[in-house]
C-alpha atoms as a PDB file:
ATOM      1  CA  UNK A   1       0.000   0.000   0.000  1.00  0.00           C
ATOM      2  CA  UNK A   2       3.012   2.383   0.195  1.00  0.00           C
ATOM      3  CA  UNK A   3       2.696   3.479  -3.419  1.00  0.00           C
ATOM      4  CA  UNK A   4      -1.038   4.007  -3.037  1.00  0.00           C
ATOM      5  CA  UNK A   5      -0.380   6.290  -0.081  1.00  0.00           C
ATOM      6  CA  UNK A   6       2.130   8.253  -2.183  1.00  0.00           C
ATOM      7  CA  UNK A   7      -0.674   8.925  -4.627  1.00  0.00           C
ATOM      8  CA  UNK A   8      -2.736  10.263  -1.734  1.00  0.00           C
ATOM      9  CA  UNK A   9      -0.292  13.156  -1.262  1.00  0.00           C
ATOM     10  CA  UNK A  10      -1.148  16.804  -1.807  1.00  0.00           C
ATOM     11  CA  UNK A  11       0.167  16.666  -5.370  1.00  0.00           C
ATOM     12  CA  UNK A  12      -2.338  16.535  -8.242  1.00  0.00           C
ATOM     13  CA  UNK A  13      -2.908  13.036  -9.593  1.00  0.00           C
ATOM     14  CA  UNK A  14      -3.344  12.405 -13.311  1.00  0.00           C
ATOM     15  CA  UNK A  15      -4.293   9.163 -15.048  1.00  0.00           C
ATOM     16  CA  UNK A  16      -2.551   8.927 -18.427  1.00  0.00           C
ATOM     17  CA  UNK A  17      -4.927   6.987 -20.670  1.00  0.00           C
ATOM     18  CA  UNK A  18      -8.695   7.526 -20.753  1.00  0.00           C
ATOM     19  CA  UNK A  19      -9.514   4.026 -21.975  1.00  0.00           C
ATOM     20  CA  UNK A  20     -10.838   0.972 -20.180  1.00  0.00           C
ATOM     21  CA  UNK A  21      -7.840   0.643 -17.856  1.00  0.00           C
ATOM     22  CA  UNK A  22      -7.939   4.329 -16.932  1.00  0.00           C
ATOM     23  CA  UNK A  23     -11.630   4.161 -16.114  1.00  0.00           C
ATOM     24  CA  UNK A  24     -11.021   1.100 -13.933  1.00  0.00           C
ATOM     25  CA  UNK A  25      -8.154   2.778 -12.068  1.00  0.00           C
ATOM     26  CA  UNK A  26     -10.279   5.891 -11.444  1.00  0.00           C
ATOM     27  CA  UNK A  27     -13.041   3.738  -9.980  1.00  0.00           C
ATOM     28  CA  UNK A  28     -10.652   1.812  -7.735  1.00  0.00           C
ATOM     29  CA  UNK A  29      -8.934   4.983  -6.504  1.00  0.00           C
ATOM     30  CA  UNK A  30     -12.338   6.343  -5.481  1.00  0.00           C
ATOM     31  CA  UNK A  31     -12.673   3.306  -3.229  1.00  0.00           C
ATOM     32  CA  UNK A  32      -9.421   4.382  -1.544  1.00  0.00           C
ATOM     33  CA  UNK A  33     -10.756   7.969  -1.336  1.00  0.00           C
ATOM     34  CA  UNK A  34      -7.881   9.159  -3.507  1.00  0.00           C
ATOM     35  CA  UNK A  35      -8.773  12.163  -5.633  1.00  0.00           C
ATOM     36  CA  UNK A  36      -7.896  12.181  -9.324  1.00  0.00           C
ATOM     37  CA  UNK A  37      -7.442  15.579 -10.961  1.00  0.00           C
ATOM     38  CA  UNK A  38      -8.033  14.532 -14.569  1.00  0.00           C
ATOM     39  CA  UNK A  39      -7.201  12.135 -17.385  1.00  0.00           C
ATOM     40  CA  UNK A  40      -4.519  12.794 -19.979  1.00  0.00           C
ATOM     41  CA  UNK A  41      -4.887  11.315 -23.461  1.00  0.00           C
ATOM     42  CA  UNK A  42      -3.404  12.030 -26.895  1.00  0.00           C
ATOM     43  CA  UNK A  43      -6.498  10.882 -28.763  1.00  0.00           C
ATOM     44  CA  UNK A  44      -9.452  11.919 -26.629  1.00  0.00           C
ATOM     45  CA  UNK A  45     -10.788  15.140 -25.116  1.00  0.00           C
ATOM     46  CA  UNK A  46     -13.827  16.385 -23.217  1.00  0.00           C
ATOM     47  CA  UNK A  47     -15.182  14.735 -20.094  1.00  0.00           C
ATOM     48  CA  UNK A  48     -14.984  11.154 -18.901  1.00  0.00           C
ATOM     49  CA  UNK A  49     -18.587  10.075 -18.452  1.00  0.00           C
ATOM     50  CA  UNK A  50     -18.577   7.853 -15.369  1.00  0.00           C
ATOM     51  CA  UNK A  51     -16.670  10.098 -12.968  1.00  0.00           C
ATOM     52  CA  UNK A  52     -17.074  13.442 -14.722  1.00  0.00           C
ATOM     53  CA  UNK A  53     -13.314  14.048 -14.949  1.00  0.00           C
ATOM     54  CA  UNK A  54     -11.834  16.250 -17.679  1.00  0.00           C
ATOM     55  CA  UNK A  55      -9.577  14.721 -20.335  1.00  0.00           C
ATOM     56  CA  UNK A  56      -6.634  16.947 -21.278  1.00  0.00           C
ATOM     57  CA  UNK A  57      -3.779  16.689 -23.769  1.00  0.00           C
ATOM     58  CA  UNK A  58      -0.143  15.964 -22.794  1.00  0.00           C
ATOM     59  CA  UNK A  59       0.741  19.602 -23.569  1.00  0.00           C
ATOM     60  CA  UNK A  60      -1.997  20.849 -21.262  1.00  0.00           C
ATOM     61  CA  UNK A  61      -0.826  18.450 -18.565  1.00  0.00           C
ATOM     62  CA  UNK A  62       2.724  19.823 -18.638  1.00  0.00           C
ATOM     63  CA  UNK A  63       1.491  23.413 -18.507  1.00  0.00           C
ATOM     64  CA  UNK A  64      -1.211  23.001 -15.876  1.00  0.00           C
ATOM     65  CA  UNK A  65       0.206  20.232 -13.661  1.00  0.00           C
ATOM     66  CA  UNK A  66       4.041  20.391 -13.780  1.00  0.00           C
ATOM     67  CA  UNK A  67       4.466  18.649 -10.396  1.00  0.00           C
ATOM     68  CA  UNK A  68       1.709  16.055 -10.623  1.00  0.00           C
ATOM     69  CA  UNK A  69       1.944  12.348  -9.918  1.00  0.00           C
ATOM     70  CA  UNK A  70       1.047  10.381 -13.044  1.00  0.00           C
ATOM     71  CA  UNK A  71      -0.305   6.824 -13.327  1.00  0.00           C
ATOM     72  CA  UNK A  72       0.174   5.255 -16.773  1.00  0.00           C
ATOM     73  CA  UNK A  73      -3.050   3.394 -17.566  1.00  0.00           C
ATOM     74  CA  UNK A  74      -2.115   1.525 -20.736  1.00  0.00           C
ATOM     75  CA  UNK A  75      -0.850  -1.965 -21.431  1.00  0.00           C
ATOM     76  CA  UNK A  76       0.102  -1.632 -25.092  1.00  0.00           C
ATOM     77  CA  UNK A  77       1.753   1.780 -24.958  1.00  0.00           C
ATOM     78  CA  UNK A  78       3.201   2.111 -21.471  1.00  0.00           C
ATOM     79  CA  UNK A  79       6.824   2.140 -22.690  1.00  0.00           C
ATOM     80  CA  UNK A  80       6.039   4.779 -25.303  1.00  0.00           C
ATOM     81  CA  UNK A  81       4.211   6.907 -22.736  1.00  0.00           C
ATOM     82  CA  UNK A  82       7.070   6.546 -20.256  1.00  0.00           C
ATOM     83  CA  UNK A  83       9.522   7.766 -22.898  1.00  0.00           C
ATOM     84  CA  UNK A  84       7.283  10.729 -23.737  1.00  0.00           C
ATOM     85  CA  UNK A  85       6.971  11.740 -20.090  1.00  0.00           C
ATOM     86  CA  UNK A  86      10.715  11.437 -19.542  1.00  0.00           C
ATOM     87  CA  UNK A  87      11.324  13.539 -22.645  1.00  0.00           C
ATOM     88  CA  UNK A  88       8.989  16.166 -21.205  1.00  0.00           C
ATOM     89  CA  UNK A  89      11.334  16.343 -18.201  1.00  0.00           C
ATOM     90  CA  UNK A  90       9.026  14.680 -15.699  1.00  0.00           C
ATOM     91  CA  UNK A  91      10.854  13.080 -12.778  1.00  0.00           C
ATOM     92  CA  UNK A  92      10.589   9.280 -12.849  1.00  0.00           C
ATOM     93  CA  UNK A  93       9.671   9.402  -9.160  1.00  0.00           C
ATOM     94  CA  UNK A  94       6.347  10.967 -10.146  1.00  0.00           C
ATOM     95  CA  UNK A  95       5.473   8.277 -12.719  1.00  0.00           C
ATOM     96  CA  UNK A  96       3.697   5.048 -11.762  1.00  0.00           C
ATOM     97  CA  UNK A  97       2.527   2.031 -13.751  1.00  0.00           C
ATOM     98  CA  UNK A  98      -0.940   0.818 -12.923  1.00  0.00           C
ATOM     99  CA  UNK A  99       0.283  -2.767 -12.667  1.00  0.00           C
ATOM    100  CA  UNK A 100       2.860  -1.934  -9.973  1.00  0.00           C
ATOM    101  CA  UNK A 101       0.245  -0.449  -7.636  1.00  0.00           C
ATOM    102  CA  UNK A 102      -1.441  -2.676  -5.081  1.00  0.00           C
ATOM    103  CA  UNK A 103      -4.923  -1.664  -6.199  1.00  0.00           C
ATOM    104  CA  UNK A 104      -7.589  -4.310  -5.663  1.00  0.00           C
ATOM    105  CA  UNK A 105     -10.459  -4.159  -8.137  1.00  0.00           C
ATOM    106  CA  UNK A 106     -13.167  -4.992  -5.601  1.00  0.00           C
ATOM    107  CA  UNK A 107     -13.879  -5.100  -1.904  1.00  0.00           C
ATOM    108  CA  UNK A 108     -15.572  -8.124  -0.344  1.00  0.00           C
ATOM    109  CA  UNK A 109     -18.810  -6.147  -0.106  1.00  0.00           C
ATOM    110  CA  UNK A 110     -18.546  -5.393  -3.837  1.00  0.00           C
ATOM    111  CA  UNK A 111     -18.277  -9.116  -4.549  1.00  0.00           C
ATOM    112  CA  UNK A 112     -21.217 -10.354  -2.474  1.00  0.00           C
ATOM    113  CA  UNK A 113     -23.830  -9.897  -5.255  1.00  0.00           C
ATOM    114  CA  UNK A 114     -21.776 -12.134  -7.574  1.00  0.00           C
ATOM    115  CA  UNK A 115     -20.963 -15.032  -5.234  1.00  0.00           C
ATOM    116  CA  UNK A 116     -23.942 -17.276  -6.055  1.00  0.00           C
ATOM    117  CA  UNK A 117     -23.293 -16.879  -9.758  1.00  0.00           C
ATOM    118  CA  UNK A 118     -19.609 -17.683  -9.268  1.00  0.00           C
ATOM    119  CA  UNK A 119     -20.572 -20.859  -7.431  1.00  0.00           C
ATOM    120  CA  UNK A 120     -22.783 -21.997 -10.305  1.00  0.00           C
ATOM    121  CA  UNK A 121     -20.211 -21.192 -12.995  1.00  0.00           C
ATOM    122  CA  UNK A 122     -17.390 -22.964 -11.162  1.00  0.00           C
ATOM    123  CA  UNK A 123     -19.240 -26.260 -11.578  1.00  0.00           C
ATOM    124  CA  UNK A 124     -19.582 -25.761 -15.337  1.00  0.00           C
ATOM    125  CA  UNK A 125     -15.828 -25.740 -16.000  1.00  0.00           C
ATOM    126  CA  UNK A 126     -14.269 -28.792 -17.604  1.00  0.00           C
ATOM    127  CA  UNK A 127     -10.819 -29.152 -16.008  1.00  0.00           C
ATOM    128  CA  UNK A 128      -8.871 -28.396 -12.842  1.00  0.00           C
ATOM    129  CA  UNK A 129      -6.751 -25.735 -14.551  1.00  0.00           C
ATOM    130  CA  UNK A 130      -9.892 -23.807 -15.469  1.00  0.00           C
ATOM    131  CA  UNK A 131     -11.166 -24.020 -11.911  1.00  0.00           C
ATOM    132  CA  UNK A 132      -7.805 -22.870 -10.556  1.00  0.00           C
ATOM    133  CA  UNK A 133      -7.822 -19.812 -12.843  1.00  0.00           C
ATOM    134  CA  UNK A 134     -11.415 -19.083 -11.881  1.00  0.00           C
ATOM    135  CA  UNK A 135     -10.518 -19.012  -8.180  1.00  0.00           C
ATOM    136  CA  UNK A 136      -7.351 -17.011  -8.837  1.00  0.00           C
ATOM    137  CA  UNK A 137      -9.369 -14.418 -10.738  1.00  0.00           C
ATOM    138  CA  UNK A 138     -11.689 -13.947  -7.755  1.00  0.00           C
ATOM    139  CA  UNK A 139      -8.619 -13.670  -5.507  1.00  0.00           C
ATOM    140  CA  UNK A 140      -7.130 -11.092  -7.882  1.00  0.00           C
ATOM    141  CA  UNK A 141     -10.283  -8.983  -7.662  1.00  0.00           C
ATOM    142  CA  UNK A 142      -9.818  -8.787  -3.903  1.00  0.00           C
ATOM    143  CA  UNK A 143      -6.027  -8.698  -3.509  1.00  0.00           C
ATOM    144  CA  UNK A 144      -4.422  -7.853  -6.904  1.00  0.00           C
ATOM    145  CA  UNK A 145      -2.313 -11.043  -6.606  1.00  0.00           C
ATOM    146  CA  UNK A 146      -1.564 -12.063 -10.233  1.00  0.00           C
ATOM    147  CA  UNK A 147      -3.360 -14.890 -12.041  1.00  0.00           C
ATOM    148  CA  UNK A 148      -1.452 -17.826 -13.510  1.00  0.00           C
ATOM    149  CA  UNK A 149      -1.235 -17.095 -17.204  1.00  0.00           C
ATOM    150  CA  UNK A 150      -0.493 -18.927 -20.437  1.00  0.00           C
ATOM    151  CA  UNK A 151       1.581 -17.599 -23.333  1.00  0.00           C
ATOM    152  CA  UNK A 152      -0.067 -14.362 -24.570  1.00  0.00           C
ATOM    153  CA  UNK A 153       0.612 -15.257 -28.207  1.00  0.00           C
ATOM    154  CA  UNK A 154      -1.703 -18.280 -27.808  1.00  0.00           C
ATOM    155  CA  UNK A 155      -4.699 -16.202 -26.741  1.00  0.00           C
ATOM    156  CA  UNK A 156      -7.917 -17.263 -28.529  1.00  0.00           C
ATOM    157  CA  UNK A 157      -6.100 -20.190 -30.209  1.00  0.00           C
ATOM    158  CA  UNK A 158      -4.783 -22.071 -27.181  1.00  0.00           C
ATOM    159  CA  UNK A 159      -3.458 -25.416 -28.510  1.00  0.00           C
ATOM    160  CA  UNK A 160      -4.431 -27.129 -25.250  1.00  0.00           C
ATOM    161  CA  UNK A 161      -8.064 -26.537 -26.156  1.00  0.00           C
ATOM    162  CA  UNK A 162      -8.568 -25.362 -29.725  1.00  0.00           C
ATOM    163  CA  UNK A 163      -8.121 -27.679 -32.708  1.00  0.00           C
ATOM    164  CA  UNK A 164      -7.835 -25.549 -35.853  1.00  0.00           C
ATOM    165  CA  UNK A 165      -8.890 -26.962 -39.228  1.00  0.00           C
ATOM    166  CA  UNK A 166      -8.150 -25.946 -42.820  1.00  0.00           C
ATOM    167  CA  UNK A 167     -11.653 -24.742 -43.720  1.00  0.00           C
ATOM    168  CA  UNK A 168     -12.359 -22.448 -40.797  1.00  0.00           C
ATOM    169  CA  UNK A 169     -14.863 -19.617 -41.182  1.00  0.00           C
ATOM    170  CA  UNK A 170     -13.571 -17.291 -38.508  1.00  0.00           C
ATOM    171  CA  UNK A 171     -15.429 -14.385 -36.914  1.00  0.00           C
ATOM    172  CA  UNK A 172     -13.080 -11.870 -35.302  1.00  0.00           C
ATOM    173  CA  UNK A 173     -15.344  -9.870 -33.007  1.00  0.00           C
ATOM    174  CA  UNK A 174     -13.297  -6.874 -31.941  1.00  0.00           C
ATOM    175  CA  UNK A 175     -10.848  -6.967 -34.850  1.00  0.00           C
ATOM    176  CA  UNK A 176      -8.949  -3.915 -33.481  1.00  0.00           C
ATOM    177  CA  UNK A 177      -6.056  -3.305 -35.948  1.00  0.00           C
ATOM    178  CA  UNK A 178      -5.917  -6.854 -37.296  1.00  0.00           C
ATOM    179  CA  UNK A 179      -3.589  -8.331 -34.675  1.00  0.00           C
ATOM    180  CA  UNK A 180      -5.761 -11.399 -34.018  1.00  0.00           C
ATOM    181  CA  UNK A 181      -6.214 -11.823 -37.766  1.00  0.00           C
ATOM    182  CA  UNK A 182      -2.455 -12.131 -38.213  1.00  0.00           C
ATOM    183  CA  UNK A 183      -2.301 -14.857 -35.585  1.00  0.00           C
ATOM    184  CA  UNK A 184      -5.246 -16.672 -37.160  1.00  0.00           C
ATOM    185  CA  UNK A 185      -3.606 -16.724 -40.609  1.00  0.00           C
ATOM    186  CA  UNK A 186      -0.390 -18.034 -39.086  1.00  0.00           C
ATOM    187  CA  UNK A 187      -2.097 -20.728 -37.014  1.00  0.00           C
ATOM    188  CA  UNK A 188      -4.008 -22.103 -40.016  1.00  0.00           C
ATOM    189  CA  UNK A 189      -1.008 -21.652 -42.356  1.00  0.00           C
ATOM    190  CA  UNK A 190      -3.177 -19.435 -44.588  1.00  0.00           C
ATOM    191  CA  UNK A 191      -5.513 -22.377 -45.221  1.00  0.00           C
ATOM    192  CA  UNK A 192      -8.998 -21.140 -44.315  1.00  0.00           C
ATOM    193  CA  UNK A 193     -12.397 -20.670 -45.919  1.00  0.00           C
ATOM    194  CA  UNK A 194     -13.199 -17.096 -44.855  1.00  0.00           C
ATOM    195  CA  UNK A 195     -12.233 -14.444 -42.338  1.00  0.00           C
ATOM    196  CA  UNK A 196     -14.811 -11.898 -41.078  1.00  0.00           C
ATOM    197  CA  UNK A 197     -13.501  -8.993 -39.013  1.00  0.00           C
ATOM    198  CA  UNK A 198     -15.909  -6.718 -37.113  1.00  0.00           C
ATOM    199  CA  UNK A 199     -14.587  -3.398 -35.770  1.00  0.00           C
ATOM    200  CA  UNK A 200     -16.687  -0.268 -35.062  1.00  0.00           C
ATOM    201  CA  UNK A 201     -13.816   2.153 -34.336  1.00  0.00           C
ATOM    202  CA  UNK A 202     -13.008   4.057 -37.536  1.00  0.00           C
ATOM    203  CA  UNK A 203      -9.297   4.537 -36.885  1.00  0.00           C
ATOM    204  CA  UNK A 204      -8.779   0.897 -35.858  1.00  0.00           C
ATOM    205  CA  UNK A 205     -10.790  -0.257 -38.870  1.00  0.00           C
ATOM    206  CA  UNK A 206      -8.678   1.798 -41.294  1.00  0.00           C
ATOM    207  CA  UNK A 207      -5.434   0.373 -39.902  1.00  0.00           C
ATOM    208  CA  UNK A 208      -6.778  -3.192 -40.123  1.00  0.00           C
ATOM    209  CA  UNK A 209      -8.104  -2.614 -43.614  1.00  0.00           C
ATOM    210  CA  UNK A 210      -4.697  -1.444 -44.781  1.00  0.00           C
ATOM    211  CA  UNK A 211      -2.820  -4.337 -43.184  1.00  0.00           C
ATOM    212  CA  UNK A 212      -5.214  -7.033 -44.456  1.00  0.00           C
ATOM    213  CA  UNK A 213      -5.988  -5.729 -47.941  1.00  0.00           C
ATOM    214  CA  UNK A 214      -3.760  -8.295 -49.675  1.00  0.00           C
ATOM    215  CA  UNK A 215      -5.447 -11.257 -48.009  1.00  0.00           C
ATOM    216  CA  UNK A 216      -7.985 -13.287 -49.953  1.00  0.00           C
ATOM    217  CA  UNK A 217     -11.373 -14.467 -48.638  1.00  0.00           C
ATOM    218  CA  UNK A 218     -11.491 -11.604 -46.142  1.00  0.00           C
ATOM    219  CA  UNK A 219     -14.517  -9.458 -45.265  1.00  0.00           C
ATOM    220  CA  UNK A 220     -14.033  -6.463 -42.979  1.00  0.00           C
ATOM    221  CA  UNK A 221     -17.146  -4.898 -41.484  1.00  0.00           C
ATOM    222  CA  UNK A 222     -17.089  -1.513 -39.784  1.00  0.00           C
ATOM    223  CA  UNK A 223     -19.696  -2.385 -37.183  1.00  0.00           C
ATOM    224  CA  UNK A 224     -19.946  -3.737 -33.674  1.00  0.00           C
ATOM    225  CA  UNK A 225     -21.633  -6.954 -32.566  1.00  0.00           C
ATOM    226  CA  UNK A 226     -24.849  -6.961 -30.556  1.00  0.00           C
ATOM    227  CA  UNK A 227     -28.106  -8.880 -30.073  1.00  0.00           C
ATOM    228  CA  UNK A 228     -29.882  -7.047 -32.913  1.00  0.00           C
ATOM    229  CA  UNK A 229     -29.262  -4.622 -35.757  1.00  0.00           C
ATOM    230  CA  UNK A 230     -29.404  -0.971 -34.710  1.00  0.00           C
ATOM    231  CA  UNK A 231     -27.254   2.072 -33.939  1.00  0.00           C
ATOM    232  CA  UNK A 232     -25.709   2.600 -30.510  1.00  0.00           C
ATOM    233  CA  UNK A 233     -23.550   5.284 -28.911  1.00  0.00           C
ATOM    234  CA  UNK A 234     -19.847   4.524 -29.045  1.00  0.00           C
ATOM    235  CA  UNK A 235     -16.713   5.947 -27.429  1.00  0.00           C
ATOM    236  CA  UNK A 236     -14.092   5.892 -30.171  1.00  0.00           C
ATOM    237  CA  UNK A 237     -10.422   6.811 -30.339  1.00  0.00           C
ATOM    238  CA  UNK A 238      -9.427   4.767 -27.269  1.00  0.00           C
ATOM    239  CA  UNK A 239      -7.323   2.246 -29.210  1.00  0.00           C
ATOM    240  CA  UNK A 240      -8.160  -1.256 -27.996  1.00  0.00           C
ATOM    241  CA  UNK A 241     -10.440   0.243 -25.303  1.00  0.00           C
ATOM    242  CA  UNK A 242     -12.954   1.826 -27.698  1.00  0.00           C
ATOM    243  CA  UNK A 243     -16.365   0.543 -26.702  1.00  0.00           C
ATOM    244  CA  UNK A 244     -20.116   0.969 -26.787  1.00  0.00           C
ATOM    245  CA  UNK A 245     -21.297   3.715 -24.445  1.00  0.00           C
ATOM    246  CA  UNK A 246     -24.212   2.644 -22.261  1.00  0.00           C
ATOM    247  CA  UNK A 247     -24.755   6.267 -21.179  1.00  0.00           C
ATOM    248  CA  UNK A 248     -25.476   7.289 -24.764  1.00  0.00           C
ATOM    249  CA  UNK A 249     -22.862  10.050 -24.820  1.00  0.00           C
ATOM    250  CA  UNK A 250     -20.695   8.861 -27.701  1.00  0.00           C
ATOM    251  CA  UNK A 251     -20.955   8.932 -31.483  1.00  0.00           C
ATOM    252  CA  UNK A 252     -23.433   6.583 -33.170  1.00  0.00           C
ATOM    253  CA  UNK A 253     -22.153   3.359 -34.734  1.00  0.00           C
ATOM    254  CA  UNK A 254     -23.866   0.438 -36.392  1.00  0.00           C
ATOM    255  CA  UNK A 255     -24.073  -2.876 -34.557  1.00  0.00           C
ATOM    256  CA  UNK A 256     -25.284  -6.165 -35.961  1.00  0.00           C
ATOM    257  CA  UNK A 257     -26.373  -9.597 -34.778  1.00  0.00           C
ATOM    258  CA  UNK A 258     -24.404 -12.514 -36.173  1.00  0.00           C
ATOM    259  CA  UNK A 259     -27.613 -14.490 -36.767  1.00  0.00           C
ATOM    260  CA  UNK A 260     -28.824 -11.722 -39.067  1.00  0.00           C
ATOM    261  CA  UNK A 261     -25.470 -11.123 -40.746  1.00  0.00           C
ATOM    262  CA  UNK A 262     -24.992 -14.815 -41.570  1.00  0.00           C
ATOM    263  CA  UNK A 263     -28.635 -15.502 -42.500  1.00  0.00           C
ATOM    264  CA  UNK A 264     -27.673 -16.112 -46.152  1.00  0.00           C
ATOM    265  CA  UNK A 265     -24.034 -17.113 -45.662  1.00  0.00           C
ATOM    266  CA  UNK A 266     -22.189 -20.206 -44.510  1.00  0.00           C
ATOM    267  CA  UNK A 267     -22.200 -20.244 -40.714  1.00  0.00           C
ATOM    268  CA  UNK A 268     -18.945 -19.524 -38.863  1.00  0.00           C
ATOM    269  CA  UNK A 269     -16.978 -22.433 -37.457  1.00  0.00           C
ATOM    270  CA  UNK A 270     -15.150 -20.285 -34.884  1.00  0.00           C
ATOM    271  CA  UNK A 271     -16.286 -17.090 -33.132  1.00  0.00           C
ATOM    272  CA  UNK A 272     -13.899 -14.932 -31.108  1.00  0.00           C
ATOM    273  CA  UNK A 273     -15.332 -12.062 -29.022  1.00  0.00           C
ATOM    274  CA  UNK A 274     -13.255  -9.384 -27.322  1.00  0.00           C
ATOM    275  CA  UNK A 275     -15.649  -6.435 -27.525  1.00  0.00           C
ATOM    276  CA  UNK A 276     -15.214  -4.481 -24.305  1.00  0.00           C
ATOM    277  CA  UNK A 277     -18.205  -5.725 -22.322  1.00  0.00           C
ATOM    278  CA  UNK A 278     -20.664  -6.387 -25.174  1.00  0.00           C
ATOM    279  CA  UNK A 279     -19.857 -10.116 -25.331  1.00  0.00           C
ATOM    280  CA  UNK A 280     -23.082 -11.292 -23.672  1.00  0.00           C
ATOM    281  CA  UNK A 281     -25.269  -9.299 -26.068  1.00  0.00           C
ATOM    282  CA  UNK A 282     -23.265 -10.551 -29.055  1.00  0.00           C
ATOM    283  CA  UNK A 283     -23.814 -14.151 -27.929  1.00  0.00           C
ATOM    284  CA  UNK A 284     -27.545 -13.478 -27.688  1.00  0.00           C
ATOM    285  CA  UNK A 285     -27.351 -12.297 -31.287  1.00  0.00           C
ATOM    286  CA  UNK A 286     -25.679 -15.563 -32.310  1.00  0.00           C
ATOM    287  CA  UNK A 287     -28.114 -17.945 -30.600  1.00  0.00           C
ATOM    288  CA  UNK A 288     -29.294 -19.672 -33.773  1.00  0.00           C
ATOM    289  CA  UNK A 289     -25.745 -20.178 -35.071  1.00  0.00           C
ATOM    290  CA  UNK A 290     -24.624 -21.609 -31.748  1.00  0.00           C
ATOM    291  CA  UNK A 291     -27.654 -23.885 -31.348  1.00  0.00           C
ATOM    292  CA  UNK A 292     -27.598 -25.212 -34.910  1.00  0.00           C
ATOM    293  CA  UNK A 293     -23.886 -25.325 -35.807  1.00  0.00           C
ATOM    294  CA  UNK A 294     -21.954 -25.404 -32.504  1.00  0.00           C
ATOM    295  CA  UNK A 295     -18.989 -23.227 -33.588  1.00  0.00           C
ATOM    296  CA  UNK A 296     -15.883 -23.060 -31.435  1.00  0.00           C
ATOM    297  CA  UNK A 297     -16.097 -20.026 -29.117  1.00  0.00           C
ATOM    298  CA  UNK A 298     -13.356 -17.907 -27.533  1.00  0.00           C
ATOM    299  CA  UNK A 299     -15.022 -15.198 -25.433  1.00  0.00           C
ATOM    300  CA  UNK A 300     -13.388 -12.652 -23.136  1.00  0.00           C
ATOM    301  CA  UNK A 301     -14.904 -12.724 -19.643  1.00  0.00           C
ATOM    302  CA  UNK A 302     -12.897 -10.031 -17.853  1.00  0.00           C
ATOM    303  CA  UNK A 303     -14.727  -6.825 -18.744  1.00  0.00           C
ATOM    304  CA  UNK A 304     -17.483  -7.192 -16.122  1.00  0.00           C
ATOM    305  CA  UNK A 305     -17.437  -9.188 -12.849  1.00  0.00           C
ATOM    306  CA  UNK A 306     -20.650 -10.981 -13.824  1.00  0.00           C
ATOM    307  CA  UNK A 307     -19.201 -12.162 -17.154  1.00  0.00           C
ATOM    308  CA  UNK A 308     -17.625 -15.079 -15.297  1.00  0.00           C
ATOM    309  CA  UNK A 309     -21.057 -16.646 -14.845  1.00  0.00           C
ATOM    310  CA  UNK A 310     -23.531 -14.958 -17.212  1.00  0.00           C
ATOM    311  CA  UNK A 311     -21.524 -15.891 -20.307  1.00  0.00           C
ATOM    312  CA  UNK A 312     -20.893 -19.606 -19.535  1.00  0.00           C
ATOM    313  CA  UNK A 313     -24.480 -20.026 -18.333  1.00  0.00           C
ATOM    314  CA  UNK A 314     -25.846 -18.515 -21.533  1.00  0.00           C
ATOM    315  CA  UNK A 315     -23.660 -20.750 -23.711  1.00  0.00           C
ATOM    316  CA  UNK A 316     -24.732 -23.833 -21.774  1.00  0.00           C
ATOM    317  CA  UNK A 317     -28.390 -22.800 -22.108  1.00  0.00           C
ATOM    318  CA  UNK A 318     -27.958 -22.942 -25.891  1.00  0.00           C
ATOM    319  CA  UNK A 319     -26.113 -26.272 -25.971  1.00  0.00           C
ATOM    320  CA  UNK A 320     -25.406 -28.528 -23.035  1.00  0.00           C
ATOM    321  CA  UNK A 321     -22.790 -30.467 -24.991  1.00  0.00           C
ATOM    322  CA  UNK A 322     -20.249 -27.623 -24.991  1.00  0.00           C
ATOM    323  CA  UNK A 323     -17.150 -28.222 -22.877  1.00  0.00           C
ATOM    324  CA  UNK A 324     -16.019 -25.009 -21.145  1.00  0.00           C
ATOM    325  CA  UNK A 325     -12.431 -24.030 -20.348  1.00  0.00           C
ATOM    326  CA  UNK A 326     -10.953 -20.894 -18.782  1.00  0.00           C
ATOM    327  CA  UNK A 327      -7.475 -19.539 -19.531  1.00  0.00           C
ATOM    328  CA  UNK A 328      -5.658 -16.278 -18.736  1.00  0.00           C
ATOM    329  CA  UNK A 329      -3.080 -14.440 -20.884  1.00  0.00           C
ATOM    330  CA  UNK A 330      -1.489 -11.526 -19.021  1.00  0.00           C
ATOM    331  CA  UNK A 331       0.154 -10.641 -15.727  1.00  0.00           C
ATOM    332  CA  UNK A 332      -2.721  -8.227 -15.000  1.00  0.00           C
ATOM    333  CA  UNK A 333      -6.401  -8.856 -14.306  1.00  0.00           C
ATOM    334  CA  UNK A 334      -7.146  -8.407 -18.010  1.00  0.00           C
ATOM    335  CA  UNK A 335      -7.238 -11.060 -20.775  1.00  0.00           C
ATOM    336  CA  UNK A 336      -9.228 -13.964 -19.330  1.00  0.00           C
ATOM    337  CA  UNK A 337     -10.825 -16.086 -22.061  1.00  0.00           C
ATOM    338  CA  UNK A 338     -13.646 -18.634 -21.862  1.00  0.00           C
ATOM    339  CA  UNK A 339     -13.439 -21.365 -24.505  1.00  0.00           C
ATOM    340  CA  UNK A 340     -16.430 -23.453 -25.545  1.00  0.00           C
ATOM    341  CA  UNK A 341     -15.688 -26.490 -27.720  1.00  0.00           C
END
């Protein structure tokens, strides 16, 4: 707790990164009654919806808060951000990485509403390793003790669980910039039937489109996945943390249900979902595909505490013959994947 107490000093406190991790850190710091002055972000401005904190640029941060403590709230860009801050002349003693802080995600009282669901889901898991990771994830919520993790490069395609075939029709829900696509092509040795990438964020979509344009049998769809076809508010420009905005404050984006999208197409053989908390709704929108064709599923279950039981229970309600496995792929609380095969 020493580092947390340092953040509770009289100095302003800034969270660098207004994405999913930054929002989570802000919420946890409120539990410790530690005041955050604002967010800093290169790609986003305005106000952060949940806590009502302003989002300022790095230049504004240097001018307005020259002596602030700064918590870097990014996994993919923390080294780049650290270099930028050092180049700005900020003392390293004022810079903290989120992952080095002993910040628990939940208190025991926070967890009480989820305990019955956790008990039910635990019994649905297929092997001891899955059950171990399940219990470690609950422990991590309360203590921030890391979860045992597998090789990150195997995420979504874990060879312990997933058997890839040559004629896969792969749905990449949350395509981001095409990083999962690259792994998919490598794993199947470029022998596949079709790749469908869904990504609602315009900037991410453009990067993916450029990197995948030479691939054959590829369809890229600038839309999110949901339980029906409509338009929803969306917070864009947050890199991998761009997500649907339940408060309705973001820009409008199209979302689609996989059952509708594939109504006149060959059904997918493998569906991957990493869509920042919309996974349950996307599975509802794929009910017919799942019931009738039993595709392989790789679904992230770390965005919401209830995902650990609502998602496996929904899958099992569609087909009892799915075998469910849980694996984790980072040294943080993020990147827990539920497999259904």
